[in-house]
Amino acid sequence: FGDQYRATDAVIQGAGKLKLVFVPEGSDEKTEYEVYNFTGAGGVALSMYNTDESIRAFADASMNMAYQKKWPLYLSTKNTILKKYDGRFKDIFQEVYEASWKSKYEEAGIWYEHRLIDDMVAYALKSEGGYVWACKNYD
């Protein structure tokens, strides 16, 4: 849905502050995040997003695919670095699993597990397959 595919990127010319601002619908109470204070020649910036609705749909589709194949499901993220962004994917996948899929998976003898992308790549290289890997965009 979003992520890199609908991200806003920019070349920053010169020194200055990069800020991210959220203005809630129906309110003037904005939340402002200071992202970076550029000095010198500038650089580049990127802002990306996703929605809870989209993440839930991704989780449900991934879990359904794994269930249909009777294969375990792995979600890989880098939530140690992107604590809030990737952490949201991890949390929503876990919520969807617990609420809708856990008992079905247990009956089918399969499981869902979150793994860090580094660990998942190492696992994939050693594995003979037989699982569904839910990847975030360029993972």
N, C-alpha and C. Protein backbone atom coordinates (compact mmCIF):
# COMPACT_ATOMS: atom_id res chain seq x y z
N PHE A 1 0.82 -1.19 0.00
CA PHE A 1 0.00 0.00 0.00
C PHE A 1 0.86 1.25 0.00
N GLY A 2 1.61 1.46 1.03
CA GLY A 2 2.41 2.68 1.15
C GLY A 2 3.88 2.35 1.07
N ASP A 3 4.57 2.50 2.18
CA ASP A 3 6.00 2.24 2.28
C ASP A 3 6.76 2.95 1.16
N GLN A 4 7.75 2.29 0.58
CA GLN A 4 8.59 2.93 -0.45
C GLN A 4 7.79 3.33 -1.68
N TYR A 5 6.69 2.63 -1.95
CA TYR A 5 5.95 2.85 -3.19
C TYR A 5 5.22 4.19 -3.22
N ARG A 6 4.92 4.72 -2.06
CA ARG A 6 4.24 6.02 -2.01
C ARG A 6 5.00 7.00 -1.13
N ALA A 7 6.26 6.73 -0.92
CA ALA A 7 7.08 7.59 -0.07
C ALA A 7 7.31 8.95 -0.74
N THR A 8 7.61 9.92 0.09
CA THR A 8 8.02 11.23 -0.40
C THR A 8 9.50 11.36 -0.13
N ASP A 9 10.26 11.58 -1.19
CA ASP A 9 11.69 11.77 -1.01
C ASP A 9 12.09 13.12 -1.57
N ALA A 10 13.17 13.66 -1.05
CA ALA A 10 13.58 15.00 -1.44
C ALA A 10 15.09 15.15 -1.33
N VAL A 11 15.64 15.95 -2.20
CA VAL A 11 17.03 16.38 -2.08
C VAL A 11 17.01 17.68 -1.28
N ILE A 12 17.78 17.72 -0.23
CA ILE A 12 17.83 18.89 0.64
C ILE A 12 19.02 19.75 0.22
N GLN A 13 18.74 20.97 -0.12
CA GLN A 13 19.77 21.91 -0.57
C GLN A 13 20.18 22.81 0.58
N GLY A 14 21.35 22.58 1.12
CA GLY A 14 21.87 23.48 2.15
C GLY A 14 21.46 23.12 3.55
N ALA A 15 21.82 24.01 4.46
CA ALA A 15 21.57 23.81 5.89
C ALA A 15 20.11 24.12 6.23
N GLY A 16 19.60 23.45 7.26
CA GLY A 16 18.25 23.71 7.74
C GLY A 16 17.68 22.52 8.48
N LYS A 17 16.52 22.72 9.09
CA LYS A 17 15.87 21.67 9.88
C LYS A 17 14.84 20.93 9.05
N LEU A 18 14.88 19.62 9.14
CA LEU A 18 13.88 18.77 8.52
C LEU A 18 12.90 18.37 9.62
N LYS A 19 11.60 18.60 9.38
CA LYS A 19 10.58 18.27 10.37
C LYS A 19 9.50 17.42 9.74
N LEU A 20 8.89 16.60 10.56
CA LEU A 20 7.72 15.80 10.18
C LEU A 20 6.57 16.31 11.04
N VAL A 21 5.47 16.67 10.40
CA VAL A 21 4.34 17.25 11.13
C VAL A 21 3.09 16.42 10.87
N PHE A 22 2.37 16.07 11.94
CA PHE A 22 1.08 15.39 11.83
C PHE A 22 0.00 16.31 12.40
N VAL A 23 -1.04 16.56 11.60
CA VAL A 23 -2.17 17.38 12.04
C VAL A 23 -3.41 16.49 12.03
N PRO A 24 -3.95 16.13 13.21
CA PRO A 24 -5.14 15.27 13.26
C PRO A 24 -6.33 15.92 12.58
N GLU A 25 -7.13 15.11 11.93
CA GLU A 25 -8.35 15.60 11.29
C GLU A 25 -9.25 16.25 12.33
N GLY A 26 -9.75 17.44 12.01
CA GLY A 26 -10.66 18.15 12.90
C GLY A 26 -9.99 18.83 14.07
N SER A 27 -8.68 18.98 14.03
CA SER A 27 -7.97 19.58 15.15
C SER A 27 -6.80 20.42 14.64
N ASP A 28 -6.46 21.40 15.42
CA ASP A 28 -5.26 22.19 15.12
C ASP A 28 -4.08 21.75 15.97
N GLU A 29 -4.29 20.75 16.82
CA GLU A 29 -3.25 20.24 17.70
C GLU A 29 -2.28 19.38 16.91
N LYS A 30 -1.24 19.97 16.39
CA LYS A 30 -0.31 19.21 15.57
C LYS A 30 0.80 18.61 16.42
N THR A 31 1.33 17.51 15.94
CA THR A 31 2.50 16.88 16.54
C THR A 31 3.65 17.09 15.58
N GLU A 32 4.73 17.63 16.09
CA GLU A 32 5.87 17.95 15.24
C GLU A 32 7.09 17.17 15.72
N TYR A 33 7.75 16.52 14.78
CA TYR A 33 8.96 15.75 15.07
C TYR A 33 10.13 16.42 14.36
N GLU A 34 11.17 16.75 15.09
CA GLU A 34 12.37 17.24 14.43
C GLU A 34 13.16 16.01 13.99
N VAL A 35 13.34 15.87 12.69
CA VAL A 35 13.97 14.69 12.12
C VAL A 35 15.48 14.85 12.08
N TYR A 36 15.94 15.99 11.53
CA TYR A 36 17.38 16.18 11.40
C TYR A 36 17.69 17.65 11.17
N ASN A 37 18.84 18.07 11.67
CA ASN A 37 19.32 19.42 11.44
C ASN A 37 20.48 19.35 10.45
N PHE A 38 20.18 19.65 9.19
CA PHE A 38 21.20 19.60 8.15
C PHE A 38 22.16 20.77 8.30
N THR A 39 23.43 20.49 8.15
CA THR A 39 24.45 21.54 8.11
C THR A 39 25.22 21.38 6.81
N GLY A 40 25.85 22.39 6.38
CA GLY A 40 26.67 22.28 5.17
C GLY A 40 25.85 22.20 3.91
N ALA A 41 26.20 21.22 3.08
CA ALA A 41 25.66 21.13 1.72
C ALA A 41 24.27 20.50 1.64
N GLY A 42 23.75 19.95 2.72
CA GLY A 42 22.42 19.31 2.69
C GLY A 42 22.52 17.81 2.59
N GLY A 43 21.59 17.19 1.86
CA GLY A 43 21.56 15.73 1.75
C GLY A 43 20.26 15.26 1.13
N VAL A 44 19.74 14.16 1.62
CA VAL A 44 18.48 13.61 1.12
C VAL A 44 17.57 13.26 2.29
N ALA A 45 16.28 13.19 2.02
CA ALA A 45 15.30 12.86 3.06
C ALA A 45 14.23 11.95 2.47
N LEU A 46 13.61 11.16 3.34
CA LEU A 46 12.58 10.22 2.93
C LEU A 46 11.51 10.15 4.01
N SER A 47 10.26 10.21 3.60
CA SER A 47 9.15 10.03 4.52
C SER A 47 8.24 8.96 3.93
N MET A 48 7.93 7.93 4.72
CA MET A 48 7.03 6.89 4.22
C MET A 48 6.02 6.53 5.29
N TYR A 49 4.99 5.81 4.88
CA TYR A 49 3.89 5.52 5.78
C TYR A 49 3.22 4.21 5.37
N ASN A 50 2.39 3.70 6.26
CA ASN A 50 1.47 2.62 5.96
C ASN A 50 0.30 2.79 6.90
N THR A 51 -0.79 2.08 6.67
CA THR A 51 -1.96 2.19 7.54
C THR A 51 -2.18 0.88 8.28
N ASP A 52 -2.79 0.97 9.45
CA ASP A 52 -3.12 -0.23 10.21
C ASP A 52 -4.01 -1.16 9.38
N GLU A 53 -4.96 -0.57 8.65
CA GLU A 53 -5.87 -1.36 7.82
C GLU A 53 -5.09 -2.17 6.77
N SER A 54 -4.14 -1.55 6.13
CA SER A 54 -3.33 -2.23 5.11
C SER A 54 -2.46 -3.32 5.74
N ILE A 55 -1.88 -3.03 6.89
CA ILE A 55 -1.04 -4.02 7.57
C ILE A 55 -1.89 -5.22 8.00
N ARG A 56 -3.10 -4.96 8.51
CA ARG A 56 -4.00 -6.06 8.90
C ARG A 56 -4.37 -6.93 7.70
N ALA A 57 -4.64 -6.28 6.57
CA ALA A 57 -4.98 -7.04 5.36
C ALA A 57 -3.80 -7.88 4.90
N PHE A 58 -2.59 -7.34 4.99
CA PHE A 58 -1.38 -8.08 4.64
C PHE A 58 -1.20 -9.27 5.58
N ALA A 59 -1.41 -9.04 6.87
CA ALA A 59 -1.29 -10.12 7.85
C ALA A 59 -2.31 -11.22 7.57
N ASP A 60 -3.54 -10.85 7.35
CA ASP A 60 -4.60 -11.83 7.11
C ASP A 60 -4.34 -12.61 5.82
N ALA A 61 -3.94 -11.93 4.76
CA ALA A 61 -3.65 -12.61 3.49
C ALA A 61 -2.47 -13.56 3.64
N SER A 62 -1.44 -13.14 4.37
CA SER A 62 -0.27 -14.00 4.59
C SER A 62 -0.66 -15.23 5.40
N MET A 63 -1.44 -15.02 6.45
CA MET A 63 -1.85 -16.14 7.30
C MET A 63 -2.77 -17.09 6.56
N ASN A 64 -3.63 -16.55 5.72
CA ASN A 64 -4.50 -17.40 4.92
C ASN A 64 -3.69 -18.25 3.94
N MET A 65 -2.72 -17.64 3.28
CA MET A 65 -1.87 -18.37 2.32
C MET A 65 -1.14 -19.52 3.02
N ALA A 66 -0.55 -19.23 4.17
CA ALA A 66 0.17 -20.27 4.91
C ALA A 66 -0.79 -21.37 5.35
N TYR A 67 -1.97 -20.99 5.81
CA TYR A 67 -2.96 -21.97 6.25
C TYR A 67 -3.41 -22.87 5.10
N GLN A 68 -3.67 -22.28 3.94
CA GLN A 68 -4.08 -23.05 2.77
C GLN A 68 -3.00 -24.05 2.36
N LYS A 69 -1.75 -23.65 2.46
CA LYS A 69 -0.64 -24.53 2.08
C LYS A 69 -0.25 -25.50 3.21
N LYS A 70 -0.74 -25.21 4.41
CA LYS A 70 -0.37 -25.97 5.61
C LYS A 70 1.13 -25.87 5.87
N TRP A 71 1.65 -24.66 5.66
CA TRP A 71 3.06 -24.34 5.92
C TRP A 71 3.13 -23.30 7.03
N PRO A 72 4.21 -23.29 7.82
CA PRO A 72 4.37 -22.23 8.81
C PRO A 72 4.57 -20.88 8.13
N LEU A 73 4.28 -19.83 8.86
CA LEU A 73 4.41 -18.46 8.36
C LEU A 73 5.46 -17.72 9.17
N TYR A 74 6.35 -17.02 8.47
CA TYR A 74 7.34 -16.16 9.10
C TYR A 74 7.16 -14.74 8.58
N LEU A 75 7.13 -13.78 9.48
CA LEU A 75 7.19 -12.36 9.13
C LEU A 75 8.58 -11.88 9.50
N SER A 76 9.24 -11.22 8.57
CA SER A 76 10.55 -10.66 8.90
C SER A 76 10.49 -9.14 8.88
N THR A 77 11.11 -8.53 9.89
CA THR A 77 11.21 -7.07 9.96
C THR A 77 12.59 -6.70 10.51
N LYS A 78 12.82 -5.42 10.59
CA LYS A 78 14.03 -4.90 11.23
C LYS A 78 13.57 -4.01 12.39
N ASN A 79 12.73 -4.58 13.27
CA ASN A 79 12.14 -3.80 14.34
C ASN A 79 13.13 -3.39 15.42
N THR A 80 14.36 -3.89 15.35
CA THR A 80 15.39 -3.41 16.28
C THR A 80 15.87 -2.03 15.87
N ILE A 81 15.75 -1.70 14.59
CA ILE A 81 16.16 -0.39 14.08
C ILE A 81 14.93 0.51 13.91
N LEU A 82 13.92 0.01 13.20
CA LEU A 82 12.68 0.77 13.00
C LEU A 82 11.68 0.33 14.06
N LYS A 83 11.95 0.72 15.30
CA LYS A 83 11.19 0.23 16.45
C LYS A 83 9.69 0.48 16.33
N LYS A 84 9.31 1.66 15.90
CA LYS A 84 7.88 1.98 15.81
C LYS A 84 7.28 1.52 14.49
N TYR A 85 7.98 1.74 13.39
CA TYR A 85 7.44 1.41 12.06
C TYR A 85 7.33 -0.10 11.89
N ASP A 86 8.45 -0.80 11.97
CA ASP A 86 8.41 -2.26 11.84
C ASP A 86 7.77 -2.91 13.06
N GLY A 87 7.91 -2.26 14.21
CA GLY A 87 7.25 -2.75 15.41
C GLY A 87 5.74 -2.82 15.25
N ARG A 88 5.19 -1.87 14.49
CA ARG A 88 3.75 -1.87 14.23
C ARG A 88 3.34 -3.09 13.41
N PHE A 89 4.15 -3.44 12.40
CA PHE A 89 3.89 -4.65 11.61
C PHE A 89 3.92 -5.88 12.53
N LYS A 90 4.95 -5.97 13.35
CA LYS A 90 5.10 -7.11 14.25
C LYS A 90 3.89 -7.22 15.18
N ASP A 91 3.49 -6.10 15.79
CA ASP A 91 2.38 -6.11 16.74
C ASP A 91 1.05 -6.47 16.07
N ILE A 92 0.79 -5.90 14.91
CA ILE A 92 -0.49 -6.17 14.23
C ILE A 92 -0.54 -7.62 13.74
N PHE A 93 0.55 -8.13 13.19
CA PHE A 93 0.58 -9.54 12.79
C PHE A 93 0.27 -10.43 13.99
N GLN A 94 0.86 -10.13 15.14
CA GLN A 94 0.62 -10.94 16.34
C GLN A 94 -0.85 -10.85 16.76
N GLU A 95 -1.42 -9.65 16.73
CA GLU A 95 -2.84 -9.47 17.08
C GLU A 95 -3.75 -10.27 16.16
N VAL A 96 -3.50 -10.19 14.86
CA VAL A 96 -4.32 -10.92 13.88
C VAL A 96 -4.18 -12.43 14.10
N TYR A 97 -2.96 -12.88 14.35
CA TYR A 97 -2.72 -14.30 14.60
C TYR A 97 -3.50 -14.77 15.83
N GLU A 98 -3.35 -14.05 16.93
CA GLU A 98 -4.00 -14.45 18.18
C GLU A 98 -5.53 -14.44 18.04
N ALA A 99 -6.06 -13.43 17.37
CA ALA A 99 -7.52 -13.26 17.28
C ALA A 99 -8.19 -14.20 16.29
N SER A 100 -7.50 -14.52 15.19
CA SER A 100 -8.20 -15.22 14.10
C SER A 100 -7.57 -16.52 13.63
N TRP A 101 -6.30 -16.73 13.90
CA TRP A 101 -5.62 -17.85 13.25
C TRP A 101 -4.97 -18.86 14.19
N LYS A 102 -4.68 -18.50 15.41
CA LYS A 102 -3.89 -19.36 16.30
C LYS A 102 -4.48 -20.77 16.44
N SER A 103 -5.76 -20.87 16.73
CA SER A 103 -6.36 -22.19 16.93
C SER A 103 -6.36 -23.00 15.63
N LYS A 104 -6.59 -22.35 14.50
CA LYS A 104 -6.55 -23.04 13.20
C LYS A 104 -5.14 -23.55 12.91
N TYR A 105 -4.16 -22.72 13.19
CA TYR A 105 -2.76 -23.12 12.95
C TYR A 105 -2.39 -24.31 13.84
N GLU A 106 -2.78 -24.24 15.11
CA GLU A 106 -2.46 -25.34 16.03
C GLU A 106 -3.10 -26.64 15.56
N GLU A 107 -4.35 -26.58 15.12
CA GLU A 107 -5.03 -27.77 14.60
C GLU A 107 -4.33 -28.32 13.37
N ALA A 108 -3.78 -27.43 12.55
CA ALA A 108 -3.10 -27.84 11.31
C ALA A 108 -1.64 -28.22 11.54
N GLY A 109 -1.14 -28.02 12.77
CA GLY A 109 0.25 -28.36 13.08
C GLY A 109 1.26 -27.39 12.48
N ILE A 110 0.82 -26.16 12.25
CA ILE A 110 1.73 -25.13 11.72
C ILE A 110 1.80 -23.99 12.73
N TRP A 111 2.63 -23.00 12.47
CA TRP A 111 2.83 -21.91 13.40
C TRP A 111 3.13 -20.61 12.67
N TYR A 112 3.01 -19.52 13.43
CA TYR A 112 3.41 -18.20 12.96
C TYR A 112 4.55 -17.73 13.86
N GLU A 113 5.54 -17.09 13.26
CA GLU A 113 6.66 -16.57 14.03
C GLU A 113 7.22 -15.32 13.38
N HIS A 114 7.56 -14.34 14.21
CA HIS A 114 8.27 -13.15 13.73
C HIS A 114 9.76 -13.40 13.87
N ARG A 115 10.53 -12.97 12.86
CA ARG A 115 11.99 -13.06 12.92
C ARG A 115 12.60 -11.78 12.38
N LEU A 116 13.75 -11.44 12.92
CA LEU A 116 14.51 -10.34 12.34
C LEU A 116 14.96 -10.74 10.94
N ILE A 117 14.99 -9.79 10.03
CA ILE A 117 15.32 -10.08 8.64
C ILE A 117 16.67 -10.79 8.52
N ASP A 118 17.67 -10.38 9.30
CA ASP A 118 18.99 -11.01 9.24
C ASP A 118 18.91 -12.50 9.57
N ASP A 119 18.18 -12.81 10.63
CA ASP A 119 17.99 -14.19 11.06
C ASP A 119 17.20 -14.98 10.02
N MET A 120 16.20 -14.35 9.44
CA MET A 120 15.36 -15.03 8.45
C MET A 120 16.13 -15.35 7.19
N VAL A 121 16.99 -14.45 6.75
CA VAL A 121 17.81 -14.71 5.56
C VAL A 121 18.73 -15.90 5.82
N ALA A 122 19.36 -15.94 6.98
CA ALA A 122 20.23 -17.07 7.32
C ALA A 122 19.42 -18.37 7.34
N TYR A 123 18.23 -18.33 7.92
CA TYR A 123 17.35 -19.50 7.95
C TYR A 123 16.99 -19.94 6.54
N ALA A 124 16.63 -18.98 5.69
CA ALA A 124 16.21 -19.30 4.32
C ALA A 124 17.34 -19.95 3.53
N LEU A 125 18.57 -19.51 3.75
CA LEU A 125 19.71 -20.08 3.03
C LEU A 125 19.96 -21.53 3.42
N LYS A 126 19.67 -21.87 4.67
CA LYS A 126 19.89 -23.24 5.15
C LYS A 126 18.68 -24.15 4.94
N SER A 127 17.53 -23.54 4.75
CA SER A 127 16.27 -24.26 4.70
C SER A 127 16.04 -24.93 3.35
N GLU A 128 15.19 -25.94 3.37
CA GLU A 128 14.77 -26.59 2.12
C GLU A 128 13.40 -26.08 1.69
N GLY A 129 12.92 -25.03 2.34
CA GLY A 129 11.63 -24.44 1.96
C GLY A 129 10.49 -25.00 2.78
N GLY A 130 9.29 -24.90 2.24
CA GLY A 130 8.12 -25.40 2.94
C GLY A 130 7.57 -24.44 3.97
N TYR A 131 7.66 -23.15 3.71
CA TYR A 131 7.11 -22.14 4.60
C TYR A 131 6.71 -20.92 3.76
N VAL A 132 5.88 -20.07 4.34
CA VAL A 132 5.51 -18.80 3.71
C VAL A 132 6.28 -17.71 4.43
N TRP A 133 6.90 -16.83 3.66
CA TRP A 133 7.70 -15.74 4.20
C TRP A 133 7.02 -14.42 3.87
N ALA A 134 6.48 -13.77 4.87
CA ALA A 134 5.86 -12.45 4.69
C ALA A 134 6.95 -11.40 4.77
N CYS A 135 7.23 -10.76 3.64
CA CYS A 135 8.30 -9.77 3.54
C CYS A 135 7.73 -8.38 3.38
N LYS A 136 8.41 -7.42 3.94
CA LYS A 136 8.04 -6.02 3.76
C LYS A 136 8.79 -5.46 2.56
N ASN A 137 8.11 -5.25 1.48
CA ASN A 137 8.64 -4.60 0.29
C ASN A 137 9.97 -5.15 -0.18
N TYR A 138 11.07 -4.46 0.10
CA TYR A 138 12.36 -4.85 -0.46
C TYR A 138 13.10 -5.90 0.35
N ASP A 139 12.48 -6.44 1.38
CA ASP A 139 13.14 -7.51 2.15
C ASP A 139 13.32 -8.73 1.29
